[in-house]
Amino acid sequence: MVNPFKEGDTKAFHKEVTPADFAQFETGLVHPVCSTFSLAQAMEWASRLFVLDMKEPDEEGIGTMLHIDHHSPAFLGENLLVEATFKTLNGNALYCHIAVTAGERLVATGQTGQKILKKEKILALLKNSRN
C-alpha cells in the first residue's frame, strides 16, 4: 500500500439522481427521492477513489463501516456532489468524512471506513466466513 495523501485531501464525483435511486422495496415506491441505500453506495465510491490510488496490484479495499446522516432530500434530476475527505489512516484502515450536496443544499454527511488488504487475505477471510 502507498499513501500519497494527507488529512484534508479530497476526492469527489458527481451523481445525477435517477428513478433507480428512489427509496423503494418489494412493496413498491416509498418516496420519489434519493434513498439511503443509493447514498450509501455513492459515499462508499467516493472514499474508494482514495483506495484506488493507494492499493498495490495484489491488494484490494474492503468496507469496514458506514454512517449516514440525512439533512435534506435529493430529488429526481438533481446533480449531487459527493465529496470524500481523507481523515485518518491507521495502519491499513482508511477513514473518510463524506458530504453530499445538491447545489448549495446539504443532502447528507457521514463517515466511511475501509481496509486495504492483500487480495489473498480477503479471499481467505471470505472463505472462512462461509464455514
C-alpha atoms as a PDB file:
ATOM      1  CA  MET A   1       0.000   0.000   0.000  1.00  0.00           C
ATOM      2  CA  VAL A   2       1.154   3.514  -0.775  1.00  0.00           C
ATOM      3  CA  ASN A   3      -0.214   6.678   0.796  1.00  0.00           C
ATOM      4  CA  PRO A   4       0.291   9.888  -1.162  1.00  0.00           C
ATOM      5  CA  PHE A   5      -2.485  11.617   0.860  1.00  0.00           C
ATOM      6  CA  LYS A   6      -2.721  13.721   3.995  1.00  0.00           C
ATOM      7  CA  GLU A   7      -5.572  14.686   6.277  1.00  0.00           C
ATOM      8  CA  GLY A   8      -7.909  17.101   4.488  1.00  0.00           C
ATOM      9  CA  ASP A   9      -7.258  15.855   0.944  1.00  0.00           C
ATOM     10  CA  THR A  10     -10.451  15.319  -1.051  1.00  0.00           C
ATOM     11  CA  LYS A  11     -11.821  13.132  -3.824  1.00  0.00           C
ATOM     12  CA  ALA A  12     -15.195  13.833  -5.425  1.00  0.00           C
ATOM     13  CA  PHE A  13     -17.572  12.860  -8.179  1.00  0.00           C
ATOM     14  CA  HIS A  14     -20.977  13.967  -9.484  1.00  0.00           C
ATOM     15  CA  LYS A  15     -24.074  11.796  -9.490  1.00  0.00           C
ATOM     16  CA  GLU A  16     -27.450  12.581 -11.046  1.00  0.00           C
ATOM     17  CA  VAL A  17     -30.486  11.317  -9.124  1.00  0.00           C
ATOM     18  CA  THR A  18     -32.473   8.897 -11.302  1.00  0.00           C
ATOM     19  CA  PRO A  19     -35.565   6.766 -10.597  1.00  0.00           C
ATOM     20  CA  ALA A  20     -33.183   3.858  -9.882  1.00  0.00           C
ATOM     21  CA  ASP A  21     -32.010   5.829  -6.816  1.00  0.00           C
ATOM     22  CA  PHE A  22     -35.503   6.192  -5.316  1.00  0.00           C
ATOM     23  CA  ALA A  23     -36.422   4.693  -1.963  1.00  0.00           C
ATOM     24  CA  GLN A  24     -38.296   1.544  -2.908  1.00  0.00           C
ATOM     25  CA  PHE A  25     -38.692  -2.006  -1.681  1.00  0.00           C
ATOM     26  CA  GLU A  26     -40.517  -5.134  -2.836  1.00  0.00           C
ATOM     27  CA  THR A  27     -43.767  -3.490  -1.707  1.00  0.00           C
ATOM     28  CA  GLY A  28     -43.215  -0.529  -4.034  1.00  0.00           C
ATOM     29  CA  LEU A  29     -42.113   3.079  -4.018  1.00  0.00           C
ATOM     30  CA  VAL A  30     -41.656   4.658  -0.598  1.00  0.00           C
ATOM     31  CA  HIS A  31     -40.504   8.148  -1.639  1.00  0.00           C
ATOM     32  CA  PRO A  32     -39.535   9.585  -5.046  1.00  0.00           C
ATOM     33  CA  VAL A  33     -36.215  10.880  -3.654  1.00  0.00           C
ATOM     34  CA  CYS A  34     -32.687   9.508  -3.392  1.00  0.00           C
ATOM     35  CA  SER A  35     -32.670   6.568  -0.980  1.00  0.00           C
ATOM     36  CA  THR A  36     -30.336   5.863   1.909  1.00  0.00           C
ATOM     37  CA  PHE A  37     -29.125   2.801   0.002  1.00  0.00           C
ATOM     38  CA  SER A  38     -28.191   4.873  -3.037  1.00  0.00           C
ATOM     39  CA  LEU A  39     -26.453   7.483  -0.866  1.00  0.00           C
ATOM     40  CA  ALA A  40     -24.517   4.693   0.853  1.00  0.00           C
ATOM     41  CA  GLN A  41     -23.243   3.366  -2.454  1.00  0.00           C
ATOM     42  CA  ALA A  42     -22.199   6.851  -3.582  1.00  0.00           C
ATOM     43  CA  MET A  43     -20.440   7.544  -0.281  1.00  0.00           C
ATOM     44  CA  GLU A  44     -18.559   4.246  -0.463  1.00  0.00           C
ATOM     45  CA  TRP A  45     -17.487   5.027  -4.036  1.00  0.00           C
ATOM     46  CA  ALA A  46     -16.189   8.483  -3.061  1.00  0.00           C
ATOM     47  CA  SER A  47     -13.919   7.012  -0.390  1.00  0.00           C
ATOM     48  CA  ARG A  48     -12.905   4.178  -2.731  1.00  0.00           C
ATOM     49  CA  LEU A  49     -11.424   6.821  -5.038  1.00  0.00           C
ATOM     50  CA  PHE A  50      -8.656   7.138  -2.414  1.00  0.00           C
ATOM     51  CA  VAL A  51      -8.270   3.351  -2.185  1.00  0.00           C
ATOM     52  CA  LEU A  52      -7.795   3.078  -5.952  1.00  0.00           C
ATOM     53  CA  ASP A  53      -4.743   5.353  -5.686  1.00  0.00           C
ATOM     54  CA  MET A  54      -3.410   3.616  -2.568  1.00  0.00           C
ATOM     55  CA  LYS A  55      -3.693  -0.118  -3.223  1.00  0.00           C
ATOM     56  CA  GLU A  56      -0.990  -2.179  -4.888  1.00  0.00           C
ATOM     57  CA  PRO A  57      -1.897  -4.634  -7.693  1.00  0.00           C
ATOM     58  CA  ASP A  58      -2.046  -7.519  -5.185  1.00  0.00           C
ATOM     59  CA  GLU A  59      -4.272  -5.568  -2.769  1.00  0.00           C
ATOM     60  CA  GLU A  60      -7.932  -4.598  -2.561  1.00  0.00           C
ATOM     61  CA  GLY A  61     -10.109  -2.442  -0.344  1.00  0.00           C
ATOM     62  CA  ILE A  62     -12.900  -3.795   1.809  1.00  0.00           C
ATOM     63  CA  GLY A  63     -15.507  -1.711   3.614  1.00  0.00           C
ATOM     64  CA  THR A  64     -15.499  -1.783   7.421  1.00  0.00           C
ATOM     65  CA  MET A  65     -18.127   0.804   8.342  1.00  0.00           C
ATOM     66  CA  LEU A  66     -20.545   3.386   7.012  1.00  0.00           C
ATOM     67  CA  HIS A  67     -22.533   6.078   8.805  1.00  0.00           C
ATOM     68  CA  ILE A  68     -25.050   8.409   7.124  1.00  0.00           C
ATOM     69  CA  ASP A  69     -26.914  11.432   8.453  1.00  0.00           C
ATOM     70  CA  HIS A  70     -29.648  12.812   6.192  1.00  0.00           C
ATOM     71  CA  HIS A  71     -30.082  16.592   6.103  1.00  0.00           C
ATOM     72  CA  SER A  72     -32.426  17.144   3.143  1.00  0.00           C
ATOM     73  CA  PRO A  73     -33.904  15.140   0.259  1.00  0.00           C
ATOM     74  CA  ALA A  74     -32.302  14.798  -3.151  1.00  0.00           C
ATOM     75  CA  PHE A  75     -34.861  14.979  -5.946  1.00  0.00           C
ATOM     76  CA  LEU A  76     -35.091  13.441  -9.409  1.00  0.00           C
ATOM     77  CA  GLY A  77     -32.659  15.052 -11.839  1.00  0.00           C
ATOM     78  CA  GLU A  78     -30.601  16.833  -9.200  1.00  0.00           C
ATOM     79  CA  ASN A  79     -26.847  16.759  -9.641  1.00  0.00           C
ATOM     80  CA  LEU A  80     -25.210  15.627  -6.414  1.00  0.00           C
ATOM     81  CA  LEU A  81     -21.613  16.378  -5.491  1.00  0.00           C
ATOM     82  CA  VAL A  82     -20.283  13.506  -3.380  1.00  0.00           C
ATOM     83  CA  GLU A  83     -17.033  14.510  -1.694  1.00  0.00           C
ATOM     84  CA  ALA A  84     -14.790  12.355   0.484  1.00  0.00           C
ATOM     85  CA  THR A  85     -12.285  13.999   2.810  1.00  0.00           C
ATOM     86  CA  PHE A  86      -9.288  11.953   3.962  1.00  0.00           C
ATOM     87  CA  LYS A  87      -9.435  11.909   7.775  1.00  0.00           C
ATOM     88  CA  THR A  88      -7.021   9.264   9.051  1.00  0.00           C
ATOM     89  CA  LEU A  89      -5.042   6.233   8.049  1.00  0.00           C
ATOM     90  CA  ASN A  90      -4.391   3.871  10.960  1.00  0.00           C
ATOM     91  CA  GLY A  91      -2.140   1.162   9.591  1.00  0.00           C
ATOM     92  CA  ASN A  92      -4.162  -0.136   6.651  1.00  0.00           C
ATOM     93  CA  ALA A  93      -7.502   1.334   7.839  1.00  0.00           C
ATOM     94  CA  LEU A  94      -8.682   4.438   5.979  1.00  0.00           C
ATOM     95  CA  TYR A  95     -11.378   6.702   7.431  1.00  0.00           C
ATOM     96  CA  CYS A  96     -13.101   9.431   5.422  1.00  0.00           C
ATOM     97  CA  HIS A  97     -15.709  12.104   6.099  1.00  0.00           C
ATOM     98  CA  ILE A  98     -18.299  12.338   3.327  1.00  0.00           C
ATOM     99  CA  ALA A  99     -20.508  15.290   2.344  1.00  0.00           C
ATOM    100  CA  VAL A 100     -23.235  15.134  -0.296  1.00  0.00           C
ATOM    101  CA  THR A 101     -24.629  18.393  -1.652  1.00  0.00           C
ATOM    102  CA  ALA A 102     -27.169  19.429  -4.280  1.00  0.00           C
ATOM    103  CA  GLY A 103     -26.026  22.898  -5.251  1.00  0.00           C
ATOM    104  CA  GLU A 104     -25.760  24.864  -2.006  1.00  0.00           C
ATOM    105  CA  ARG A 105     -28.044  22.441  -0.104  1.00  0.00           C
ATOM    106  CA  LEU A 106     -26.520  19.826   2.192  1.00  0.00           C
ATOM    107  CA  VAL A 107     -28.152  16.445   1.493  1.00  0.00           C
ATOM    108  CA  ALA A 108     -26.140  14.116   3.726  1.00  0.00           C
ATOM    109  CA  THR A 109     -22.962  13.726   5.743  1.00  0.00           C
ATOM    110  CA  GLY A 110     -21.273  10.628   7.029  1.00  0.00           C
ATOM    111  CA  GLN A 111     -18.184   8.567   7.535  1.00  0.00           C
ATOM    112  CA  THR A 112     -16.722   5.549   5.805  1.00  0.00           C
ATOM    113  CA  GLY A 113     -14.088   3.050   6.834  1.00  0.00           C
ATOM    114  CA  GLN A 114     -12.139   0.774   4.532  1.00  0.00           C
ATOM    115  CA  LYS A 115      -9.164  -1.509   4.996  1.00  0.00           C
ATOM    116  CA  ILE A 116      -6.621  -2.243   2.314  1.00  0.00           C
ATOM    117  CA  LEU A 117      -5.631  -5.904   2.444  1.00  0.00           C
ATOM    118  CA  LYS A 118      -3.827  -8.419   0.285  1.00  0.00           C
ATOM    119  CA  LYS A 119      -6.333  -9.983  -2.128  1.00  0.00           C
ATOM    120  CA  GLU A 120      -5.392 -13.456  -0.892  1.00  0.00           C
ATOM    121  CA  LYS A 121      -6.191 -12.434   2.697  1.00  0.00           C
ATOM    122  CA  ILE A 122      -9.630 -11.148   1.660  1.00  0.00           C
ATOM    123  CA  LEU A 123     -10.347 -14.392  -0.191  1.00  0.00           C
ATOM    124  CA  ALA A 124      -9.277 -16.417   2.860  1.00  0.00           C
ATOM    125  CA  LEU A 125     -11.456 -14.300   5.170  1.00  0.00           C
ATOM    126  CA  LEU A 126     -14.453 -14.709   2.894  1.00  0.00           C
ATOM    127  CA  LYS A 127     -13.893 -18.445   2.549  1.00  0.00           C
ATOM    128  CA  ASN A 128     -13.550 -18.890   6.326  1.00  0.00           C
ATOM    129  CA  SER A 129     -16.707 -16.838   6.915  1.00  0.00           C
ATOM    130  CA  ARG A 130     -18.751 -19.332   4.878  1.00  0.00           C
ATOM    131  CA  ASN A 131     -17.674 -22.264   7.030  1.00  0.00           C
END
